[in-house]
Amino acid sequence: MTPSISLFWGMLASPHSTVHSRQLFNERSCRVDLSYGISKFYSKFNNIMAVCGYNRDEIATLHLVKTYCIPMVLYGCESWILSDNEYLQLNVMWNNSFRRIFDCCWCESISGLLFYTQMLPMSYQIDQSKILLWKKLLNCDNIAVRTVVAVNRHSIGLIMSKYKLQPISTNVGSI
C-alpha cells in the first residue's frame, strides 16, 4: 500500500522521492541525492562567473560563491549520512570551482589556495556543521532534546575521532 498525503481538497499519492529542503530525498533508501544541489551550485556558480568575469577579482568572486552557492548545497547537511564517494563528489565540486575562479591548478592540488584564502575543503565544512549542531543541541535548554542527543552521541563520536577531537561533554542534567 502506497502512503498518501491528505489535503483539504483531496488525497495525493506519495512519491518515492521528494524534494525536501532543496535536496532530493529518496524515501526507500533514506539517502539524500546530492545531484540536485550540485546542479544548483553549478548554475549559480556559472552566473557569478559570467557577471564577475574571469581573472578580475578572485577574492570577491570567492566570497560570492561562499555566501551564495555553498548554502544551496549544504542546506541540511547536519543530518546527512554521506558515503566516501559522496564526500568526494562534494570536494570535487568545490575544488573545480576554485580552479575556475583562480584559473590554475588543473593538474595539481588546490590545498595551497585553500590555505591562503582561509577556506576549508567541503568535507570539513560538512563535518564542522555537524559538530556545531551537536554542540548546540547538547547545550539546549530543553531536557528532552539534551537527553536524545546524549543517548545518540556515538554518531557524532565518529566525526570527532576522525579529527582527533575531544568528545563533547554530555551533561544532561536533571529535571
N, C-alpha and C. Protein backbone atom coordinates (compact mmCIF):
# COMPACT_ATOMS: atom_id res chain seq x y z
N MET A 1 0.84 -1.17 0.00
CA MET A 1 0.00 0.00 0.00
C MET A 1 0.89 1.24 0.00
N THR A 2 0.60 2.15 -0.90
CA THR A 2 1.37 3.38 -1.02
C THR A 2 0.82 4.41 -0.04
N PRO A 3 1.70 5.00 0.79
CA PRO A 3 1.21 6.02 1.70
C PRO A 3 0.73 7.23 0.91
N SER A 4 -0.24 7.92 1.44
CA SER A 4 -0.77 9.08 0.74
C SER A 4 -0.82 10.27 1.69
N ILE A 5 -0.91 11.42 1.09
CA ILE A 5 -0.98 12.67 1.83
C ILE A 5 -2.39 13.22 1.68
N SER A 6 -3.02 13.55 2.77
CA SER A 6 -4.38 14.07 2.74
C SER A 6 -4.35 15.58 2.85
N LEU A 7 -4.93 16.24 1.86
CA LEU A 7 -5.07 17.68 1.88
C LEU A 7 -6.54 18.01 1.96
N PHE A 8 -6.88 19.27 2.24
CA PHE A 8 -8.28 19.60 2.43
C PHE A 8 -9.10 19.46 1.14
N TRP A 9 -8.45 19.41 -0.04
CA TRP A 9 -9.22 19.24 -1.27
C TRP A 9 -9.14 17.83 -1.84
N GLY A 10 -8.39 16.95 -1.22
CA GLY A 10 -8.34 15.58 -1.71
C GLY A 10 -7.10 14.85 -1.24
N MET A 11 -6.89 13.66 -1.81
CA MET A 11 -5.76 12.81 -1.45
C MET A 11 -4.70 12.88 -2.55
N LEU A 12 -3.45 12.87 -2.16
CA LEU A 12 -2.34 12.82 -3.09
C LEU A 12 -1.54 11.56 -2.83
N ALA A 13 -1.11 10.89 -3.88
CA ALA A 13 -0.25 9.72 -3.71
C ALA A 13 1.15 10.20 -3.35
N SER A 14 1.81 9.45 -2.49
CA SER A 14 3.16 9.82 -2.06
C SER A 14 4.18 9.32 -3.07
N PRO A 15 5.06 10.18 -3.55
CA PRO A 15 6.12 9.72 -4.44
C PRO A 15 7.20 8.99 -3.65
N HIS A 16 8.04 8.27 -4.33
CA HIS A 16 9.12 7.55 -3.64
C HIS A 16 10.32 8.43 -3.38
N SER A 17 10.34 9.57 -4.00
CA SER A 17 11.38 10.54 -3.67
C SER A 17 10.74 11.91 -3.67
N THR A 18 11.12 12.72 -2.72
CA THR A 18 10.54 14.05 -2.59
C THR A 18 11.64 15.08 -2.51
N VAL A 19 11.35 16.26 -3.03
CA VAL A 19 12.27 17.38 -2.88
C VAL A 19 11.92 18.04 -1.56
N HIS A 20 12.80 17.93 -0.60
CA HIS A 20 12.57 18.49 0.72
C HIS A 20 13.79 19.31 1.09
N SER A 21 13.57 20.53 1.47
CA SER A 21 14.65 21.41 1.89
C SER A 21 15.71 21.56 0.80
N ARG A 22 15.27 21.72 -0.41
CA ARG A 22 16.13 21.94 -1.56
C ARG A 22 17.05 20.76 -1.86
N GLN A 23 16.76 19.59 -1.35
CA GLN A 23 17.52 18.39 -1.64
C GLN A 23 16.55 17.28 -2.01
N LEU A 24 16.97 16.38 -2.86
CA LEU A 24 16.13 15.26 -3.24
C LEU A 24 16.35 14.14 -2.24
N PHE A 25 15.29 13.75 -1.54
CA PHE A 25 15.36 12.72 -0.52
C PHE A 25 14.69 11.46 -1.05
N ASN A 26 15.43 10.36 -1.08
CA ASN A 26 14.87 9.10 -1.53
C ASN A 26 14.31 8.36 -0.32
N GLU A 27 13.00 8.15 -0.31
CA GLU A 27 12.35 7.55 0.84
C GLU A 27 12.68 6.07 1.00
N ARG A 28 12.98 5.39 -0.09
CA ARG A 28 13.27 3.96 0.00
C ARG A 28 14.64 3.68 0.63
N SER A 29 15.64 4.46 0.24
CA SER A 29 16.98 4.22 0.76
C SER A 29 17.33 5.14 1.92
N CYS A 30 16.47 6.12 2.22
CA CYS A 30 16.73 7.10 3.28
C CYS A 30 18.04 7.84 3.05
N ARG A 31 18.32 8.15 1.80
CA ARG A 31 19.55 8.85 1.43
C ARG A 31 19.19 10.18 0.76
N VAL A 32 20.09 11.11 0.83
CA VAL A 32 19.93 12.39 0.14
C VAL A 32 20.67 12.31 -1.19
N ASP A 33 19.97 12.67 -2.26
CA ASP A 33 20.59 12.70 -3.58
C ASP A 33 21.22 14.07 -3.78
N LEU A 34 22.54 14.11 -3.87
CA LEU A 34 23.26 15.37 -3.95
C LEU A 34 23.25 15.98 -5.34
N SER A 35 22.82 15.24 -6.35
CA SER A 35 22.91 15.75 -7.72
C SER A 35 22.07 17.02 -7.92
N TYR A 36 20.94 17.11 -7.24
CA TYR A 36 20.09 18.30 -7.35
C TYR A 36 20.83 19.53 -6.79
N GLY A 37 21.40 19.41 -5.61
CA GLY A 37 22.13 20.52 -5.00
C GLY A 37 23.38 20.88 -5.78
N ILE A 38 24.07 19.88 -6.30
CA ILE A 38 25.28 20.14 -7.07
C ILE A 38 24.94 20.86 -8.37
N SER A 39 23.86 20.45 -9.03
CA SER A 39 23.49 21.13 -10.28
C SER A 39 23.06 22.57 -9.99
N LYS A 40 22.38 22.82 -8.88
CA LYS A 40 22.02 24.18 -8.49
C LYS A 40 23.27 25.00 -8.18
N PHE A 41 24.25 24.36 -7.51
CA PHE A 41 25.51 25.04 -7.21
C PHE A 41 26.16 25.50 -8.51
N TYR A 42 26.29 24.59 -9.48
CA TYR A 42 26.95 24.95 -10.73
C TYR A 42 26.18 26.01 -11.50
N SER A 43 24.86 25.99 -11.47
CA SER A 43 24.11 27.02 -12.19
C SER A 43 24.32 28.40 -11.55
N LYS A 44 24.31 28.46 -10.23
CA LYS A 44 24.57 29.72 -9.54
C LYS A 44 26.03 30.15 -9.72
N PHE A 45 26.93 29.19 -9.67
CA PHE A 45 28.35 29.48 -9.86
C PHE A 45 28.61 30.05 -11.25
N ASN A 46 28.01 29.46 -12.28
CA ASN A 46 28.19 29.96 -13.64
C ASN A 46 27.64 31.37 -13.80
N ASN A 47 26.53 31.67 -13.12
CA ASN A 47 26.00 33.04 -13.15
C ASN A 47 26.98 34.03 -12.52
N ILE A 48 27.55 33.65 -11.39
CA ILE A 48 28.52 34.52 -10.73
C ILE A 48 29.74 34.73 -11.62
N MET A 49 30.22 33.65 -12.23
CA MET A 49 31.40 33.77 -13.10
C MET A 49 31.09 34.62 -14.33
N ALA A 50 29.88 34.56 -14.85
CA ALA A 50 29.51 35.38 -16.01
C ALA A 50 29.46 36.86 -15.64
N VAL A 51 28.99 37.16 -14.45
CA VAL A 51 28.88 38.56 -14.03
C VAL A 51 30.25 39.11 -13.62
N CYS A 52 30.99 38.34 -12.82
CA CYS A 52 32.28 38.82 -12.32
C CYS A 52 33.37 38.74 -13.38
N GLY A 53 33.23 37.83 -14.32
CA GLY A 53 34.27 37.67 -15.32
C GLY A 53 35.42 36.87 -14.76
N TYR A 54 36.28 36.46 -15.62
CA TYR A 54 37.43 35.66 -15.23
C TYR A 54 38.63 36.57 -14.96
N ASN A 55 39.39 36.22 -13.95
CA ASN A 55 40.64 36.90 -13.59
C ASN A 55 40.45 38.37 -13.24
N ARG A 56 39.31 38.74 -12.69
CA ARG A 56 39.11 40.12 -12.26
C ARG A 56 39.47 40.24 -10.79
N ASP A 57 38.54 39.96 -9.94
CA ASP A 57 38.79 40.00 -8.50
C ASP A 57 38.41 38.64 -7.93
N GLU A 58 39.41 37.78 -7.79
CA GLU A 58 39.15 36.41 -7.38
C GLU A 58 38.58 36.31 -5.97
N ILE A 59 39.06 37.17 -5.07
CA ILE A 59 38.61 37.10 -3.68
C ILE A 59 37.13 37.50 -3.58
N ALA A 60 36.72 38.53 -4.32
CA ALA A 60 35.30 38.92 -4.32
C ALA A 60 34.44 37.81 -4.92
N THR A 61 34.93 37.19 -5.99
CA THR A 61 34.19 36.08 -6.60
C THR A 61 34.08 34.92 -5.62
N LEU A 62 35.16 34.60 -4.94
CA LEU A 62 35.15 33.53 -3.95
C LEU A 62 34.17 33.83 -2.83
N HIS A 63 34.13 35.08 -2.40
CA HIS A 63 33.19 35.46 -1.35
C HIS A 63 31.74 35.27 -1.82
N LEU A 64 31.45 35.65 -3.06
CA LEU A 64 30.10 35.47 -3.59
C LEU A 64 29.73 33.99 -3.67
N VAL A 65 30.67 33.17 -4.12
CA VAL A 65 30.41 31.72 -4.21
C VAL A 65 30.18 31.15 -2.82
N LYS A 66 30.98 31.59 -1.87
CA LYS A 66 30.88 31.09 -0.50
C LYS A 66 29.54 31.46 0.14
N THR A 67 29.04 32.66 -0.14
CA THR A 67 27.82 33.11 0.51
C THR A 67 26.55 32.82 -0.29
N TYR A 68 26.68 32.59 -1.60
CA TYR A 68 25.50 32.40 -2.43
C TYR A 68 25.32 30.96 -2.90
N CYS A 69 26.41 30.28 -3.20
CA CYS A 69 26.31 28.92 -3.77
C CYS A 69 26.42 27.82 -2.72
N ILE A 70 27.34 27.98 -1.80
CA ILE A 70 27.59 26.93 -0.80
C ILE A 70 26.36 26.64 0.06
N PRO A 71 25.62 27.66 0.53
CA PRO A 71 24.43 27.33 1.32
C PRO A 71 23.40 26.51 0.54
N MET A 72 23.37 26.66 -0.78
CA MET A 72 22.44 25.87 -1.59
C MET A 72 22.77 24.39 -1.50
N VAL A 73 24.03 24.07 -1.49
CA VAL A 73 24.46 22.67 -1.45
C VAL A 73 24.40 22.12 -0.03
N LEU A 74 24.80 22.91 0.95
CA LEU A 74 24.95 22.41 2.32
C LEU A 74 23.71 22.56 3.18
N TYR A 75 22.60 22.99 2.63
CA TYR A 75 21.39 23.15 3.43
C TYR A 75 20.96 21.79 4.01
N GLY A 76 20.93 21.70 5.30
CA GLY A 76 20.53 20.47 5.97
C GLY A 76 21.62 19.42 6.08
N CYS A 77 22.87 19.80 5.83
CA CYS A 77 23.95 18.81 5.82
C CYS A 77 24.21 18.20 7.19
N GLU A 78 23.72 18.83 8.23
CA GLU A 78 23.93 18.30 9.58
C GLU A 78 23.28 16.94 9.77
N SER A 79 22.25 16.67 8.99
CA SER A 79 21.53 15.41 9.15
C SER A 79 21.91 14.37 8.09
N TRP A 80 22.79 14.71 7.19
CA TRP A 80 23.17 13.77 6.14
C TRP A 80 24.07 12.67 6.67
N ILE A 81 23.92 11.50 6.10
CA ILE A 81 24.87 10.41 6.30
C ILE A 81 25.47 10.16 4.93
N LEU A 82 26.72 10.56 4.76
CA LEU A 82 27.34 10.52 3.44
C LEU A 82 28.36 9.39 3.35
N SER A 83 28.43 8.80 2.18
CA SER A 83 29.46 7.81 1.91
C SER A 83 30.74 8.55 1.49
N ASP A 84 31.83 7.81 1.40
CA ASP A 84 33.09 8.41 0.96
C ASP A 84 32.96 8.95 -0.46
N ASN A 85 32.20 8.27 -1.30
CA ASN A 85 32.01 8.72 -2.68
C ASN A 85 31.25 10.05 -2.73
N GLU A 86 30.27 10.22 -1.85
CA GLU A 86 29.52 11.47 -1.82
C GLU A 86 30.37 12.62 -1.28
N TYR A 87 31.20 12.34 -0.28
CA TYR A 87 32.15 13.36 0.18
C TYR A 87 33.08 13.75 -0.98
N LEU A 88 33.52 12.76 -1.74
CA LEU A 88 34.41 13.02 -2.87
C LEU A 88 33.71 13.89 -3.92
N GLN A 89 32.44 13.61 -4.22
CA GLN A 89 31.69 14.42 -5.18
C GLN A 89 31.65 15.89 -4.75
N LEU A 90 31.38 16.12 -3.48
CA LEU A 90 31.30 17.49 -2.99
C LEU A 90 32.67 18.17 -2.99
N ASN A 91 33.71 17.43 -2.65
CA ASN A 91 35.06 18.00 -2.70
C ASN A 91 35.47 18.33 -4.13
N VAL A 92 35.12 17.47 -5.08
CA VAL A 92 35.44 17.73 -6.49
C VAL A 92 34.72 18.99 -6.97
N MET A 93 33.46 19.14 -6.59
CA MET A 93 32.70 20.33 -6.94
C MET A 93 33.39 21.59 -6.42
N TRP A 94 33.78 21.56 -5.16
CA TRP A 94 34.43 22.71 -4.51
C TRP A 94 35.80 22.98 -5.14
N ASN A 95 36.58 21.92 -5.38
CA ASN A 95 37.89 22.08 -5.99
C ASN A 95 37.79 22.65 -7.41
N ASN A 96 36.83 22.17 -8.19
CA ASN A 96 36.67 22.67 -9.55
C ASN A 96 36.26 24.14 -9.56
N SER A 97 35.46 24.55 -8.59
CA SER A 97 35.09 25.96 -8.53
C SER A 97 36.33 26.81 -8.21
N PHE A 98 37.18 26.34 -7.31
CA PHE A 98 38.42 27.06 -7.01
C PHE A 98 39.30 27.15 -8.26
N ARG A 99 39.39 26.07 -8.98
CA ARG A 99 40.22 26.06 -10.18
C ARG A 99 39.71 27.05 -11.22
N ARG A 100 38.39 27.16 -11.35
CA ARG A 100 37.84 28.11 -12.32
C ARG A 100 37.97 29.55 -11.85
N ILE A 101 37.79 29.79 -10.56
CA ILE A 101 37.91 31.17 -10.05
C ILE A 101 39.33 31.68 -10.22
N PHE A 102 40.31 30.87 -9.83
CA PHE A 102 41.70 31.31 -9.87
C PHE A 102 42.41 30.92 -11.16
N ASP A 103 41.73 30.19 -12.04
CA ASP A 103 42.26 29.78 -13.34
C ASP A 103 43.64 29.14 -13.20
N CYS A 104 43.72 28.15 -12.34
CA CYS A 104 45.00 27.48 -12.15
C CYS A 104 44.79 26.08 -11.57
N CYS A 105 45.87 25.38 -11.35
CA CYS A 105 45.92 24.14 -10.59
C CYS A 105 45.10 23.00 -11.20
N TRP A 106 44.93 22.96 -12.52
CA TRP A 106 44.10 21.91 -13.10
C TRP A 106 44.76 20.55 -12.98
N CYS A 107 46.06 20.50 -12.84
CA CYS A 107 46.77 19.21 -12.69
C CYS A 107 47.36 19.06 -11.30
N GLU A 108 47.06 19.99 -10.41
CA GLU A 108 47.69 19.99 -9.09
C GLU A 108 46.63 20.07 -8.00
N SER A 109 47.09 19.98 -6.78
CA SER A 109 46.21 20.13 -5.62
C SER A 109 45.90 21.61 -5.39
N ILE A 110 44.74 21.87 -4.85
CA ILE A 110 44.38 23.26 -4.53
C ILE A 110 44.55 23.56 -3.05
N SER A 111 45.25 22.70 -2.34
CA SER A 111 45.38 22.89 -0.89
C SER A 111 46.06 24.21 -0.55
N GLY A 112 46.99 24.66 -1.38
CA GLY A 112 47.63 25.96 -1.15
C GLY A 112 46.64 27.10 -1.27
N LEU A 113 45.77 27.03 -2.27
CA LEU A 113 44.73 28.06 -2.43
C LEU A 113 43.77 28.04 -1.25
N LEU A 114 43.39 26.85 -0.81
CA LEU A 114 42.50 26.75 0.35
C LEU A 114 43.15 27.38 1.58
N PHE A 115 44.43 27.13 1.75
CA PHE A 115 45.14 27.66 2.92
C PHE A 115 45.21 29.18 2.88
N TYR A 116 45.62 29.75 1.75
CA TYR A 116 45.81 31.20 1.67
C TYR A 116 44.50 31.97 1.61
N THR A 117 43.42 31.33 1.21
CA THR A 117 42.12 32.00 1.22
C THR A 117 41.35 31.68 2.51
N GLN A 118 41.96 30.92 3.39
CA GLN A 118 41.39 30.53 4.69
C GLN A 118 40.04 29.84 4.53
N MET A 119 39.98 28.92 3.58
CA MET A 119 38.77 28.14 3.32
C MET A 119 39.05 26.68 3.69
N LEU A 120 37.99 25.96 3.99
CA LEU A 120 38.09 24.54 4.31
C LEU A 120 37.62 23.71 3.13
N PRO A 121 38.15 22.50 2.98
CA PRO A 121 37.56 21.59 1.99
C PRO A 121 36.09 21.33 2.34
N MET A 122 35.33 20.96 1.34
CA MET A 122 33.89 20.79 1.54
C MET A 122 33.58 19.73 2.60
N SER A 123 34.33 18.65 2.62
CA SER A 123 34.06 17.60 3.62
C SER A 123 34.28 18.12 5.03
N TYR A 124 35.27 19.00 5.22
CA TYR A 124 35.50 19.59 6.54
C TYR A 124 34.37 20.54 6.92
N GLN A 125 33.84 21.28 5.94
CA GLN A 125 32.74 22.20 6.22
C GLN A 125 31.50 21.43 6.67
N ILE A 126 31.24 20.30 6.04
CA ILE A 126 30.08 19.48 6.42
C ILE A 126 30.26 18.94 7.83
N ASP A 127 31.43 18.39 8.11
CA ASP A 127 31.69 17.85 9.45
C ASP A 127 31.66 18.95 10.51
N GLN A 128 32.15 20.12 10.17
CA GLN A 128 32.11 21.24 11.11
C GLN A 128 30.66 21.61 11.43
N SER A 129 29.81 21.62 10.43
CA SER A 129 28.39 21.93 10.66
C SER A 129 27.75 20.90 11.57
N LYS A 130 28.09 19.63 11.36
CA LYS A 130 27.53 18.57 12.21
C LYS A 130 27.98 18.73 13.66
N ILE A 131 29.25 18.99 13.86
CA ILE A 131 29.79 19.13 15.22
C ILE A 131 29.16 20.32 15.92
N LEU A 132 29.04 21.45 15.21
CA LEU A 132 28.44 22.63 15.83
C LEU A 132 26.97 22.43 16.18
N LEU A 133 26.24 21.71 15.32
CA LEU A 133 24.84 21.42 15.64
C LEU A 133 24.74 20.55 16.90
N TRP A 134 25.57 19.52 16.99
CA TRP A 134 25.53 18.64 18.17
C TRP A 134 25.88 19.43 19.43
N LYS A 135 26.84 20.33 19.32
CA LYS A 135 27.21 21.13 20.48
C LYS A 135 26.05 22.02 20.91
N LYS A 136 25.36 22.63 19.94
CA LYS A 136 24.20 23.46 20.27
C LYS A 136 23.09 22.63 20.90
N LEU A 137 22.86 21.44 20.38
CA LEU A 137 21.80 20.59 20.93
C LEU A 137 22.13 20.12 22.34
N LEU A 138 23.40 19.84 22.60
CA LEU A 138 23.78 19.42 23.95
C LEU A 138 23.66 20.55 24.96
N ASN A 139 23.74 21.79 24.50
CA ASN A 139 23.61 22.94 25.39
C ASN A 139 22.22 23.55 25.37
N CYS A 140 21.28 22.86 24.77
CA CYS A 140 19.90 23.33 24.66
C CYS A 140 19.25 23.35 26.04
N ASP A 141 18.30 24.26 26.22
CA ASP A 141 17.57 24.35 27.49
C ASP A 141 16.58 23.22 27.70
N ASN A 142 16.16 22.60 26.62
CA ASN A 142 15.15 21.53 26.69
C ASN A 142 15.82 20.22 27.10
N ILE A 143 15.41 19.67 28.21
CA ILE A 143 16.00 18.43 28.74
C ILE A 143 15.75 17.25 27.83
N ALA A 144 14.61 17.22 27.14
CA ALA A 144 14.30 16.11 26.24
C ALA A 144 15.26 16.10 25.06
N VAL A 145 15.55 17.26 24.51
CA VAL A 145 16.49 17.35 23.39
C VAL A 145 17.88 16.92 23.84
N ARG A 146 18.31 17.41 25.00
CA ARG A 146 19.64 17.05 25.50
C ARG A 146 19.74 15.55 25.77
N THR A 147 18.68 14.95 26.26
CA THR A 147 18.70 13.50 26.55
C THR A 147 18.81 12.69 25.27
N VAL A 148 18.02 13.05 24.27
CA VAL A 148 18.07 12.33 22.98
C VAL A 148 19.46 12.46 22.35
N VAL A 149 20.03 13.64 22.41
CA VAL A 149 21.36 13.86 21.85
C VAL A 149 22.41 13.08 22.64
N ALA A 150 22.29 13.07 23.95
CA ALA A 150 23.26 12.36 24.78
C ALA A 150 23.20 10.85 24.52
N VAL A 151 22.00 10.32 24.33
CA VAL A 151 21.85 8.90 24.06
C VAL A 151 22.45 8.52 22.70
N ASN A 152 22.34 9.41 21.73
CA ASN A 152 22.81 9.14 20.37
C ASN A 152 24.16 9.79 20.07
N ARG A 153 24.95 10.07 21.09
CA ARG A 153 26.22 10.77 20.88
C ARG A 153 27.26 9.94 20.13
N HIS A 154 27.06 8.63 20.03
CA HIS A 154 28.03 7.79 19.33
C HIS A 154 28.13 8.17 17.85
N SER A 155 27.05 8.71 17.26
CA SER A 155 27.09 9.05 15.84
C SER A 155 28.00 10.25 15.58
N ILE A 156 28.08 11.18 16.49
CA ILE A 156 28.99 12.31 16.31
C ILE A 156 30.40 11.94 16.76
N GLY A 157 30.51 10.90 17.58
CA GLY A 157 31.83 10.46 18.02
C GLY A 157 32.72 10.01 16.89
N LEU A 158 32.14 9.46 15.84
CA LEU A 158 32.94 9.04 14.68
C LEU A 158 33.57 10.24 13.99
N ILE A 159 32.83 11.30 13.87
CA ILE A 159 33.37 12.51 13.24
C ILE A 159 34.43 13.12 14.14
N MET A 160 34.17 13.17 15.43
CA MET A 160 35.13 13.74 16.36
C MET A 160 36.44 12.95 16.36
N SER A 161 36.34 11.63 16.30
CA SER A 161 37.55 10.82 16.31
C SER A 161 38.33 10.95 15.00
N LYS A 162 37.64 11.25 13.90
CA LYS A 162 38.32 11.42 12.62
C LYS A 162 39.30 12.59 12.67
N TYR A 163 38.97 13.62 13.43
CA TYR A 163 39.82 14.80 13.55
C TYR A 163 40.59 14.83 14.87
N LYS A 164 40.53 13.73 15.61
CA LYS A 164 41.23 13.59 16.89
C LYS A 164 40.84 14.69 17.87
N LEU A 165 39.52 14.97 17.93
CA LEU A 165 39.00 15.97 18.84
C LEU A 165 38.52 15.30 20.12
N GLN A 166 38.48 16.06 21.18
CA GLN A 166 37.97 15.56 22.45
C GLN A 166 36.46 15.39 22.33
N PRO A 167 35.91 14.36 22.97
CA PRO A 167 34.46 14.17 22.92
C PRO A 167 33.73 15.34 23.56
N ILE A 168 32.54 15.62 23.02
CA ILE A 168 31.71 16.69 23.57
C ILE A 168 31.10 16.17 24.87
N SER A 169 31.15 17.01 25.91
CA SER A 169 30.60 16.56 27.20
C SER A 169 29.10 16.40 27.09
N THR A 170 28.58 15.41 27.78
CA THR A 170 27.16 15.10 27.70
C THR A 170 26.50 15.25 29.05
N ASN A 171 26.59 16.42 29.61
CA ASN A 171 25.95 16.71 30.89
C ASN A 171 24.47 16.96 30.63
N VAL A 172 23.65 15.95 30.84
CA VAL A 172 22.23 16.04 30.54
C VAL A 172 21.50 16.83 31.62
N GLY A 173 21.88 16.69 32.83
CA GLY A 173 21.22 17.39 33.92
C GLY A 173 20.00 16.65 34.40
N SER A 174 19.30 17.24 35.32
CA SER A 174 18.10 16.61 35.86
C SER A 174 16.91 17.54 35.70
N ILE A 175 15.74 16.98 35.90
CA ILE A 175 14.52 17.73 35.72
C ILE A 175 14.24 18.64 36.89
